[in-house]
């Protein structure tokens, strides 16, 4: 099994704790509300949202995929970190064993925040993932983050 890792940092004018709440703690209900074309709904199969929780994410009509199974590996509300893995689903395309995401939202000097995201694609055997697939993943992550940011600006009490 091989591993391909990439990092992305996305700046935001939203304070770190507020962005973490929206992007991590409220994501299961917030993202289908603001991006239904991307995610239709999230169904918890087991757990209470904490470590070990297993969810099925059903993608919206705008996605080429149907669903993925998502496992919460770590969550730290104090340090604003979240680690989760995609462990099943058609988005793994038969060549990926799993994808692990490490999210950390840190305060920025201007009162906003920076979302630091490390993605680790664990491939099956010697399978390789194209640069275009990695670029597509980065673009989708950026679009989701910016949609959450826009929602929080439009709904400051959210």
N, C-alpha and C. Protein backbone atom coordinates (compact mmCIF):
# COMPACT_ATOMS: atom_id res chain seq x y z
N UNK A 1 0.85 -1.18 0.00
CA UNK A 1 0.00 0.00 0.00
C UNK A 1 0.89 1.24 0.00
N UNK A 2 0.58 2.16 -0.90
CA UNK A 2 1.30 3.42 -0.95
C UNK A 2 0.50 4.51 -0.29
N UNK A 3 1.13 5.66 -0.11
CA UNK A 3 0.43 6.80 0.48
C UNK A 3 0.84 8.06 -0.25
N UNK A 4 -0.15 8.86 -0.59
CA UNK A 4 0.08 10.15 -1.23
C UNK A 4 -0.49 11.19 -0.29
N UNK A 5 0.33 12.17 0.09
CA UNK A 5 -0.08 13.18 1.06
C UNK A 5 -0.04 14.55 0.41
N UNK A 6 -1.06 15.34 0.68
CA UNK A 6 -0.98 16.74 0.29
C UNK A 6 -1.56 17.62 1.38
N UNK A 7 -1.04 18.83 1.43
CA UNK A 7 -1.46 19.80 2.42
C UNK A 7 -2.06 21.01 1.72
N UNK A 8 -3.04 21.61 2.36
CA UNK A 8 -3.64 22.84 1.85
C UNK A 8 -3.94 23.73 3.06
N UNK A 9 -3.72 25.01 2.89
CA UNK A 9 -4.06 25.99 3.93
C UNK A 9 -5.00 27.01 3.31
N UNK A 10 -6.13 27.24 3.99
CA UNK A 10 -7.13 28.16 3.47
C UNK A 10 -7.38 29.24 4.52
N UNK A 11 -7.09 30.49 4.17
CA UNK A 11 -7.34 31.58 5.12
C UNK A 11 -8.82 31.97 5.13
N UNK A 12 -9.27 32.48 6.27
CA UNK A 12 -10.65 32.92 6.41
C UNK A 12 -10.71 34.14 7.33
N UNK A 13 -11.73 34.95 7.12
CA UNK A 13 -11.94 36.09 8.02
C UNK A 13 -12.80 35.69 9.22
N UNK A 14 -13.27 34.43 9.25
CA UNK A 14 -14.10 33.92 10.35
C UNK A 14 -13.18 33.47 11.49
N UNK A 15 -13.48 33.83 12.75
CA UNK A 15 -12.66 33.37 13.88
C UNK A 15 -12.58 31.84 13.94
N UNK A 16 -11.46 31.35 14.43
CA UNK A 16 -11.17 29.91 14.42
C UNK A 16 -12.25 29.07 15.11
N UNK A 17 -12.67 29.44 16.32
CA UNK A 17 -13.66 28.62 17.05
C UNK A 17 -14.99 28.56 16.31
N UNK A 18 -15.39 29.67 15.70
CA UNK A 18 -16.66 29.70 14.96
C UNK A 18 -16.56 28.84 13.69
N UNK A 19 -15.42 28.91 13.01
CA UNK A 19 -15.23 28.10 11.80
C UNK A 19 -15.19 26.62 12.16
N UNK A 20 -14.54 26.26 13.26
CA UNK A 20 -14.48 24.86 13.68
C UNK A 20 -15.89 24.34 13.98
N UNK A 21 -16.67 25.13 14.69
CA UNK A 21 -18.04 24.72 15.02
C UNK A 21 -18.83 24.44 13.74
N UNK A 22 -18.75 25.35 12.77
CA UNK A 22 -19.51 25.18 11.53
C UNK A 22 -18.97 24.04 10.68
N UNK A 23 -17.65 23.99 10.53
CA UNK A 23 -17.03 23.05 9.60
C UNK A 23 -16.95 21.63 10.14
N UNK A 24 -16.91 21.50 11.47
CA UNK A 24 -16.75 20.17 12.07
C UNK A 24 -17.99 19.77 12.87
N UNK A 25 -18.32 20.55 13.88
CA UNK A 25 -19.38 20.15 14.79
C UNK A 25 -20.78 20.21 14.17
N UNK A 26 -21.03 21.20 13.31
CA UNK A 26 -22.35 21.36 12.69
C UNK A 26 -22.40 20.90 11.24
N UNK A 27 -21.32 20.35 10.73
CA UNK A 27 -21.20 20.04 9.30
C UNK A 27 -22.28 19.09 8.78
N UNK A 28 -22.68 18.11 9.59
CA UNK A 28 -23.64 17.10 9.10
C UNK A 28 -24.98 17.71 8.70
N UNK A 29 -25.36 18.79 9.35
CA UNK A 29 -26.61 19.45 9.00
C UNK A 29 -26.38 20.71 8.17
N UNK A 30 -25.26 21.40 8.41
CA UNK A 30 -25.01 22.66 7.72
C UNK A 30 -24.67 22.47 6.25
N UNK A 31 -23.78 21.56 5.93
CA UNK A 31 -23.33 21.41 4.54
C UNK A 31 -24.47 20.97 3.62
N UNK A 32 -25.32 20.00 3.99
CA UNK A 32 -26.45 19.69 3.11
C UNK A 32 -27.40 20.89 2.92
N UNK A 33 -27.44 21.76 3.90
CA UNK A 33 -28.31 22.94 3.82
C UNK A 33 -27.74 23.97 2.83
N UNK A 34 -26.43 24.20 2.88
CA UNK A 34 -25.85 25.25 2.04
C UNK A 34 -25.27 24.73 0.72
N UNK A 35 -25.01 23.41 0.63
CA UNK A 35 -24.46 22.82 -0.59
C UNK A 35 -25.17 21.50 -0.92
N UNK A 36 -26.50 21.53 -1.11
CA UNK A 36 -27.21 20.26 -1.35
C UNK A 36 -26.79 19.55 -2.64
N UNK A 37 -26.23 20.30 -3.59
CA UNK A 37 -25.75 19.68 -4.82
C UNK A 37 -24.52 18.82 -4.54
N UNK A 38 -23.80 19.12 -3.48
CA UNK A 38 -22.59 18.37 -3.12
C UNK A 38 -22.91 17.23 -2.15
N UNK A 39 -23.65 17.56 -1.07
CA UNK A 39 -23.99 16.55 -0.06
C UNK A 39 -25.48 16.61 0.21
N UNK A 40 -26.14 15.49 -0.06
CA UNK A 40 -27.60 15.42 0.13
C UNK A 40 -27.95 15.28 1.61
N UNK A 41 -27.30 14.32 2.28
CA UNK A 41 -27.52 14.15 3.72
C UNK A 41 -26.43 13.29 4.32
N UNK A 42 -26.42 13.27 5.66
CA UNK A 42 -25.45 12.48 6.41
C UNK A 42 -26.23 11.63 7.39
N UNK A 43 -25.92 10.35 7.39
CA UNK A 43 -26.63 9.38 8.24
C UNK A 43 -25.62 8.75 9.21
N UNK A 44 -25.88 8.86 10.50
CA UNK A 44 -25.00 8.24 11.50
C UNK A 44 -25.39 6.77 11.65
N UNK A 45 -24.42 5.88 11.40
CA UNK A 45 -24.66 4.45 11.54
C UNK A 45 -24.39 3.97 12.96
N UNK A 46 -23.34 4.53 13.56
CA UNK A 46 -23.03 4.18 14.95
C UNK A 46 -22.25 5.32 15.59
N UNK A 47 -22.44 5.48 16.89
CA UNK A 47 -21.72 6.50 17.63
C UNK A 47 -22.56 7.74 17.89
N UNK A 48 -21.93 8.70 18.57
CA UNK A 48 -22.62 9.92 18.98
C UNK A 48 -21.98 11.19 18.42
N UNK A 49 -21.15 11.03 17.40
CA UNK A 49 -20.46 12.16 16.80
C UNK A 49 -19.01 12.25 17.23
N UNK A 50 -18.66 11.56 18.31
CA UNK A 50 -17.28 11.56 18.80
C UNK A 50 -16.43 10.51 18.11
N UNK A 51 -15.27 10.24 18.68
CA UNK A 51 -14.34 9.26 18.13
C UNK A 51 -15.04 7.91 17.97
N UNK A 52 -14.83 7.29 16.82
CA UNK A 52 -15.43 5.99 16.54
C UNK A 52 -16.76 6.08 15.80
N UNK A 53 -17.33 7.27 15.73
CA UNK A 53 -18.61 7.43 15.02
C UNK A 53 -18.40 7.08 13.55
N UNK A 54 -19.36 6.33 13.01
CA UNK A 54 -19.35 5.96 11.60
C UNK A 54 -20.58 6.56 10.95
N UNK A 55 -20.35 7.26 9.83
CA UNK A 55 -21.43 7.94 9.11
C UNK A 55 -21.41 7.53 7.64
N UNK A 56 -22.57 7.62 7.00
CA UNK A 56 -22.63 7.50 5.55
C UNK A 56 -22.99 8.88 5.03
N UNK A 57 -22.16 9.38 4.13
CA UNK A 57 -22.41 10.66 3.49
C UNK A 57 -22.98 10.38 2.12
N UNK A 58 -24.21 10.84 1.89
CA UNK A 58 -24.88 10.66 0.59
C UNK A 58 -24.66 11.93 -0.22
N UNK A 59 -24.03 11.78 -1.37
CA UNK A 59 -23.72 12.94 -2.20
C UNK A 59 -24.95 13.42 -2.96
N UNK A 60 -24.93 14.70 -3.30
CA UNK A 60 -26.03 15.31 -4.04
C UNK A 60 -25.96 15.00 -5.52
N UNK A 61 -26.95 15.50 -6.24
CA UNK A 61 -27.04 15.22 -7.67
C UNK A 61 -25.89 15.81 -8.47
N UNK A 62 -25.20 16.79 -7.92
CA UNK A 62 -24.07 17.39 -8.62
C UNK A 62 -22.80 16.57 -8.53
N UNK A 63 -22.82 15.48 -7.79
CA UNK A 63 -21.63 14.66 -7.61
C UNK A 63 -21.65 13.45 -8.54
N UNK A 64 -20.47 13.03 -8.93
CA UNK A 64 -20.35 11.82 -9.73
C UNK A 64 -20.40 10.56 -8.86
N UNK A 65 -20.35 10.74 -7.55
CA UNK A 65 -20.37 9.61 -6.62
C UNK A 65 -21.69 9.53 -5.87
N UNK A 66 -21.97 8.34 -5.33
CA UNK A 66 -23.22 8.14 -4.58
C UNK A 66 -23.04 8.37 -3.08
N UNK A 67 -22.06 7.68 -2.48
CA UNK A 67 -21.88 7.80 -1.04
C UNK A 67 -20.50 7.30 -0.61
N UNK A 68 -20.14 7.69 0.63
CA UNK A 68 -18.93 7.18 1.26
C UNK A 68 -19.21 6.91 2.73
N UNK A 69 -18.46 6.00 3.29
CA UNK A 69 -18.53 5.74 4.73
C UNK A 69 -17.36 6.49 5.37
N UNK A 70 -17.67 7.24 6.41
CA UNK A 70 -16.77 8.18 7.05
C UNK A 70 -16.65 7.79 8.53
N UNK A 71 -15.41 7.68 9.04
CA UNK A 71 -15.19 7.32 10.44
C UNK A 71 -14.44 8.46 11.14
N UNK A 72 -14.95 8.88 12.30
CA UNK A 72 -14.28 9.91 13.09
C UNK A 72 -13.14 9.23 13.87
N UNK A 73 -11.92 9.67 13.60
CA UNK A 73 -10.74 9.07 14.24
C UNK A 73 -10.30 9.87 15.47
N UNK A 74 -10.47 11.18 15.43
CA UNK A 74 -10.08 12.03 16.56
C UNK A 74 -10.82 13.35 16.43
N UNK A 75 -11.14 13.93 17.58
CA UNK A 75 -11.74 15.27 17.60
C UNK A 75 -11.32 15.94 18.90
N UNK A 76 -10.83 17.16 18.77
CA UNK A 76 -10.36 17.91 19.94
C UNK A 76 -10.94 19.32 19.83
N UNK A 77 -12.01 19.56 20.59
CA UNK A 77 -12.71 20.84 20.54
C UNK A 77 -11.88 21.97 21.13
N UNK A 78 -10.97 21.65 22.04
CA UNK A 78 -10.11 22.67 22.66
C UNK A 78 -9.06 23.18 21.68
N UNK A 79 -8.43 22.24 20.97
CA UNK A 79 -7.35 22.59 20.05
C UNK A 79 -7.82 22.73 18.60
N UNK A 80 -9.14 22.60 18.40
CA UNK A 80 -9.77 22.78 17.09
C UNK A 80 -9.16 21.86 16.02
N UNK A 81 -9.06 20.57 16.38
CA UNK A 81 -8.54 19.59 15.43
C UNK A 81 -9.57 18.47 15.24
N UNK A 82 -9.53 17.89 14.07
CA UNK A 82 -10.47 16.83 13.70
C UNK A 82 -9.77 15.92 12.69
N UNK A 83 -9.81 14.63 12.95
CA UNK A 83 -9.25 13.66 12.02
C UNK A 83 -10.34 12.66 11.69
N UNK A 84 -10.52 12.40 10.40
CA UNK A 84 -11.50 11.42 9.99
C UNK A 84 -11.01 10.69 8.74
N UNK A 85 -11.60 9.53 8.49
CA UNK A 85 -11.18 8.72 7.35
C UNK A 85 -12.39 8.32 6.53
N UNK A 86 -12.20 8.30 5.22
CA UNK A 86 -13.17 7.73 4.30
C UNK A 86 -12.72 6.29 4.12
N UNK A 87 -13.55 5.33 4.51
CA UNK A 87 -13.13 3.93 4.54
C UNK A 87 -13.89 3.03 3.56
N UNK A 88 -14.97 3.54 2.98
CA UNK A 88 -15.75 2.78 1.99
C UNK A 88 -16.45 3.75 1.07
N UNK A 89 -16.80 3.26 -0.12
CA UNK A 89 -17.62 4.07 -1.01
C UNK A 89 -17.05 4.18 -2.40
N UNK A 90 -17.92 4.56 -3.34
CA UNK A 90 -17.49 4.61 -4.73
C UNK A 90 -16.49 5.72 -5.01
N UNK A 91 -16.37 6.71 -4.14
CA UNK A 91 -15.37 7.77 -4.33
C UNK A 91 -13.94 7.23 -4.20
N UNK A 92 -13.78 6.06 -3.60
CA UNK A 92 -12.45 5.46 -3.47
C UNK A 92 -11.99 4.84 -4.79
N UNK A 93 -12.90 4.73 -5.74
CA UNK A 93 -12.60 4.34 -7.13
C UNK A 93 -11.89 3.00 -7.29
N UNK A 94 -11.94 2.16 -6.30
CA UNK A 94 -11.32 0.84 -6.42
C UNK A 94 -9.81 0.83 -6.31
N UNK A 95 -9.16 1.99 -6.30
CA UNK A 95 -7.69 2.03 -6.20
C UNK A 95 -7.21 2.60 -4.87
N UNK A 96 -8.15 3.14 -4.10
CA UNK A 96 -7.79 3.75 -2.82
C UNK A 96 -8.34 2.91 -1.69
N UNK A 97 -7.49 2.57 -0.74
CA UNK A 97 -7.90 1.81 0.44
C UNK A 97 -8.70 2.70 1.39
N UNK A 98 -8.17 3.91 1.63
CA UNK A 98 -8.83 4.88 2.50
C UNK A 98 -8.21 6.26 2.27
N UNK A 99 -8.92 7.28 2.72
CA UNK A 99 -8.40 8.64 2.70
C UNK A 99 -8.55 9.18 4.12
N UNK A 100 -7.47 9.68 4.68
CA UNK A 100 -7.51 10.25 6.03
C UNK A 100 -7.27 11.75 5.92
N UNK A 101 -8.12 12.49 6.62
CA UNK A 101 -8.02 13.95 6.63
C UNK A 101 -7.70 14.42 8.04
N UNK A 102 -6.69 15.26 8.16
CA UNK A 102 -6.33 15.89 9.42
C UNK A 102 -6.63 17.37 9.26
N UNK A 103 -7.59 17.88 10.02
CA UNK A 103 -8.01 19.27 9.94
C UNK A 103 -7.58 19.98 11.23
N UNK A 104 -6.98 21.14 11.08
CA UNK A 104 -6.65 21.98 12.24
C UNK A 104 -6.98 23.41 11.85
N UNK A 105 -7.78 24.06 12.68
CA UNK A 105 -8.12 25.45 12.42
C UNK A 105 -7.42 26.30 13.47
N UNK A 106 -6.59 27.19 12.99
CA UNK A 106 -5.78 28.01 13.89
C UNK A 106 -6.17 29.48 13.74
N UNK A 107 -6.08 30.23 14.85
CA UNK A 107 -6.37 31.67 14.78
C UNK A 107 -5.33 32.38 13.90
N UNK A 108 -5.80 33.36 13.16
CA UNK A 108 -4.90 34.21 12.37
C UNK A 108 -4.71 35.53 13.11
N UNK A 109 -3.65 36.23 12.80
CA UNK A 109 -3.34 37.48 13.48
C UNK A 109 -4.43 38.54 13.30
N UNK A 110 -5.16 38.47 12.18
CA UNK A 110 -6.18 39.48 11.88
C UNK A 110 -7.54 39.19 12.53
N UNK A 111 -7.59 38.14 13.39
CA UNK A 111 -8.84 37.77 14.04
C UNK A 111 -9.61 36.69 13.30
N UNK A 112 -9.17 36.38 12.11
CA UNK A 112 -9.77 35.30 11.33
C UNK A 112 -9.13 33.97 11.69
N UNK A 113 -9.02 33.09 10.70
CA UNK A 113 -8.45 31.77 10.96
C UNK A 113 -7.79 31.22 9.70
N UNK A 114 -7.07 30.15 9.89
CA UNK A 114 -6.47 29.41 8.79
C UNK A 114 -6.85 27.95 8.99
N UNK A 115 -7.44 27.36 7.96
CA UNK A 115 -7.77 25.94 8.00
C UNK A 115 -6.61 25.19 7.37
N UNK A 116 -5.96 24.35 8.17
CA UNK A 116 -4.86 23.52 7.69
C UNK A 116 -5.40 22.12 7.50
N UNK A 117 -5.31 21.62 6.29
CA UNK A 117 -5.88 20.32 5.96
C UNK A 117 -4.80 19.44 5.33
N UNK A 118 -4.53 18.31 5.96
CA UNK A 118 -3.62 17.31 5.38
C UNK A 118 -4.48 16.13 4.95
N UNK A 119 -4.34 15.75 3.71
CA UNK A 119 -5.08 14.60 3.16
C UNK A 119 -4.08 13.51 2.82
N UNK A 120 -4.38 12.30 3.28
CA UNK A 120 -3.50 11.16 3.01
C UNK A 120 -4.31 10.10 2.27
N UNK A 121 -3.95 9.89 1.02
CA UNK A 121 -4.59 8.87 0.19
C UNK A 121 -3.79 7.59 0.32
N UNK A 122 -4.39 6.56 0.91
CA UNK A 122 -3.74 5.26 1.06
C UNK A 122 -4.21 4.38 -0.09
N UNK A 123 -3.30 4.14 -1.03
CA UNK A 123 -3.67 3.41 -2.24
C UNK A 123 -3.52 1.91 -2.05
N UNK A 124 -4.26 1.17 -2.88
CA UNK A 124 -4.15 -0.29 -2.89
C UNK A 124 -2.96 -0.68 -3.75
N UNK A 125 -2.10 -1.54 -3.20
CA UNK A 125 -0.95 -2.01 -3.97
C UNK A 125 -0.10 -0.86 -4.49
N UNK A 126 0.22 -0.93 -5.77
CA UNK A 126 1.04 0.10 -6.41
C UNK A 126 0.21 1.12 -7.17
N UNK A 127 -1.07 1.17 -6.88
CA UNK A 127 -1.96 2.09 -7.60
C UNK A 127 -1.49 3.52 -7.42
N UNK A 128 -1.70 4.31 -8.45
CA UNK A 128 -1.34 5.72 -8.40
C UNK A 128 -2.57 6.57 -8.62
N UNK A 129 -2.52 7.78 -8.09
CA UNK A 129 -3.62 8.73 -8.24
C UNK A 129 -3.10 9.88 -9.08
N UNK A 130 -3.86 10.27 -10.07
CA UNK A 130 -3.40 11.33 -10.96
C UNK A 130 -3.40 12.69 -10.26
N UNK A 131 -2.54 13.56 -10.76
CA UNK A 131 -2.48 14.93 -10.25
C UNK A 131 -3.83 15.63 -10.43
N UNK A 132 -4.53 15.29 -11.52
CA UNK A 132 -5.83 15.94 -11.76
C UNK A 132 -6.85 15.53 -10.70
N UNK A 133 -6.79 14.28 -10.23
CA UNK A 133 -7.70 13.85 -9.15
C UNK A 133 -7.37 14.56 -7.85
N UNK A 134 -6.09 14.73 -7.56
CA UNK A 134 -5.69 15.44 -6.34
C UNK A 134 -6.11 16.91 -6.44
N UNK A 135 -5.89 17.51 -7.60
CA UNK A 135 -6.29 18.91 -7.80
C UNK A 135 -7.80 19.06 -7.63
N UNK A 136 -8.57 18.10 -8.16
CA UNK A 136 -10.03 18.14 -8.03
C UNK A 136 -10.44 18.06 -6.56
N UNK A 137 -9.77 17.21 -5.78
CA UNK A 137 -10.06 17.10 -4.35
C UNK A 137 -9.77 18.40 -3.62
N UNK A 138 -8.64 19.04 -3.96
CA UNK A 138 -8.29 20.32 -3.35
C UNK A 138 -9.34 21.38 -3.68
N UNK A 139 -9.77 21.41 -4.93
CA UNK A 139 -10.75 22.42 -5.36
C UNK A 139 -12.09 22.22 -4.65
N UNK A 140 -12.49 20.98 -4.47
CA UNK A 140 -13.76 20.70 -3.76
C UNK A 140 -13.66 21.10 -2.29
N UNK A 141 -12.52 20.82 -1.67
CA UNK A 141 -12.32 21.21 -0.26
C UNK A 141 -12.37 22.73 -0.13
N UNK A 142 -11.72 23.42 -1.05
CA UNK A 142 -11.70 24.89 -1.03
C UNK A 142 -13.12 25.44 -1.23
N UNK A 143 -13.87 24.87 -2.16
CA UNK A 143 -15.23 25.34 -2.44
C UNK A 143 -16.13 25.15 -1.22
N UNK A 144 -16.00 24.01 -0.55
CA UNK A 144 -16.83 23.75 0.63
C UNK A 144 -16.48 24.72 1.76
N UNK A 145 -15.19 24.93 1.96
CA UNK A 145 -14.74 25.86 3.00
C UNK A 145 -15.27 27.26 2.72
N UNK A 146 -15.16 27.72 1.48
CA UNK A 146 -15.59 29.07 1.12
C UNK A 146 -17.11 29.20 1.21
N UNK A 147 -17.85 28.12 0.91
CA UNK A 147 -19.31 28.15 1.05
C UNK A 147 -19.70 28.30 2.52
N UNK A 148 -19.00 27.59 3.40
CA UNK A 148 -19.26 27.71 4.84
C UNK A 148 -18.92 29.12 5.30
N UNK A 149 -17.81 29.64 4.85
CA UNK A 149 -17.41 31.00 5.21
C UNK A 149 -18.47 32.02 4.76
N UNK A 150 -18.95 31.89 3.54
CA UNK A 150 -19.97 32.82 3.01
C UNK A 150 -21.25 32.71 3.82
N UNK A 151 -21.64 31.49 4.18
CA UNK A 151 -22.83 31.28 4.99
C UNK A 151 -22.68 31.98 6.35
N UNK A 152 -21.52 31.85 6.98
CA UNK A 152 -21.30 32.46 8.28
C UNK A 152 -21.30 34.00 8.19
N UNK A 153 -20.80 34.53 7.10
CA UNK A 153 -20.85 35.99 6.90
C UNK A 153 -22.30 36.45 6.74
N UNK A 154 -23.09 35.68 6.00
CA UNK A 154 -24.49 36.05 5.76
C UNK A 154 -25.38 35.79 6.97
N UNK A 155 -24.94 34.90 7.86
CA UNK A 155 -25.70 34.52 9.04
C UNK A 155 -24.79 34.63 10.27
N UNK A 156 -24.49 35.84 10.70
CA UNK A 156 -23.51 36.01 11.79
C UNK A 156 -23.91 35.38 13.12
N UNK A 157 -25.16 35.08 13.31
CA UNK A 157 -25.58 34.44 14.57
C UNK A 157 -25.63 32.92 14.48
N UNK A 158 -25.19 32.38 13.36
CA UNK A 158 -25.24 30.92 13.17
C UNK A 158 -24.21 30.24 14.05
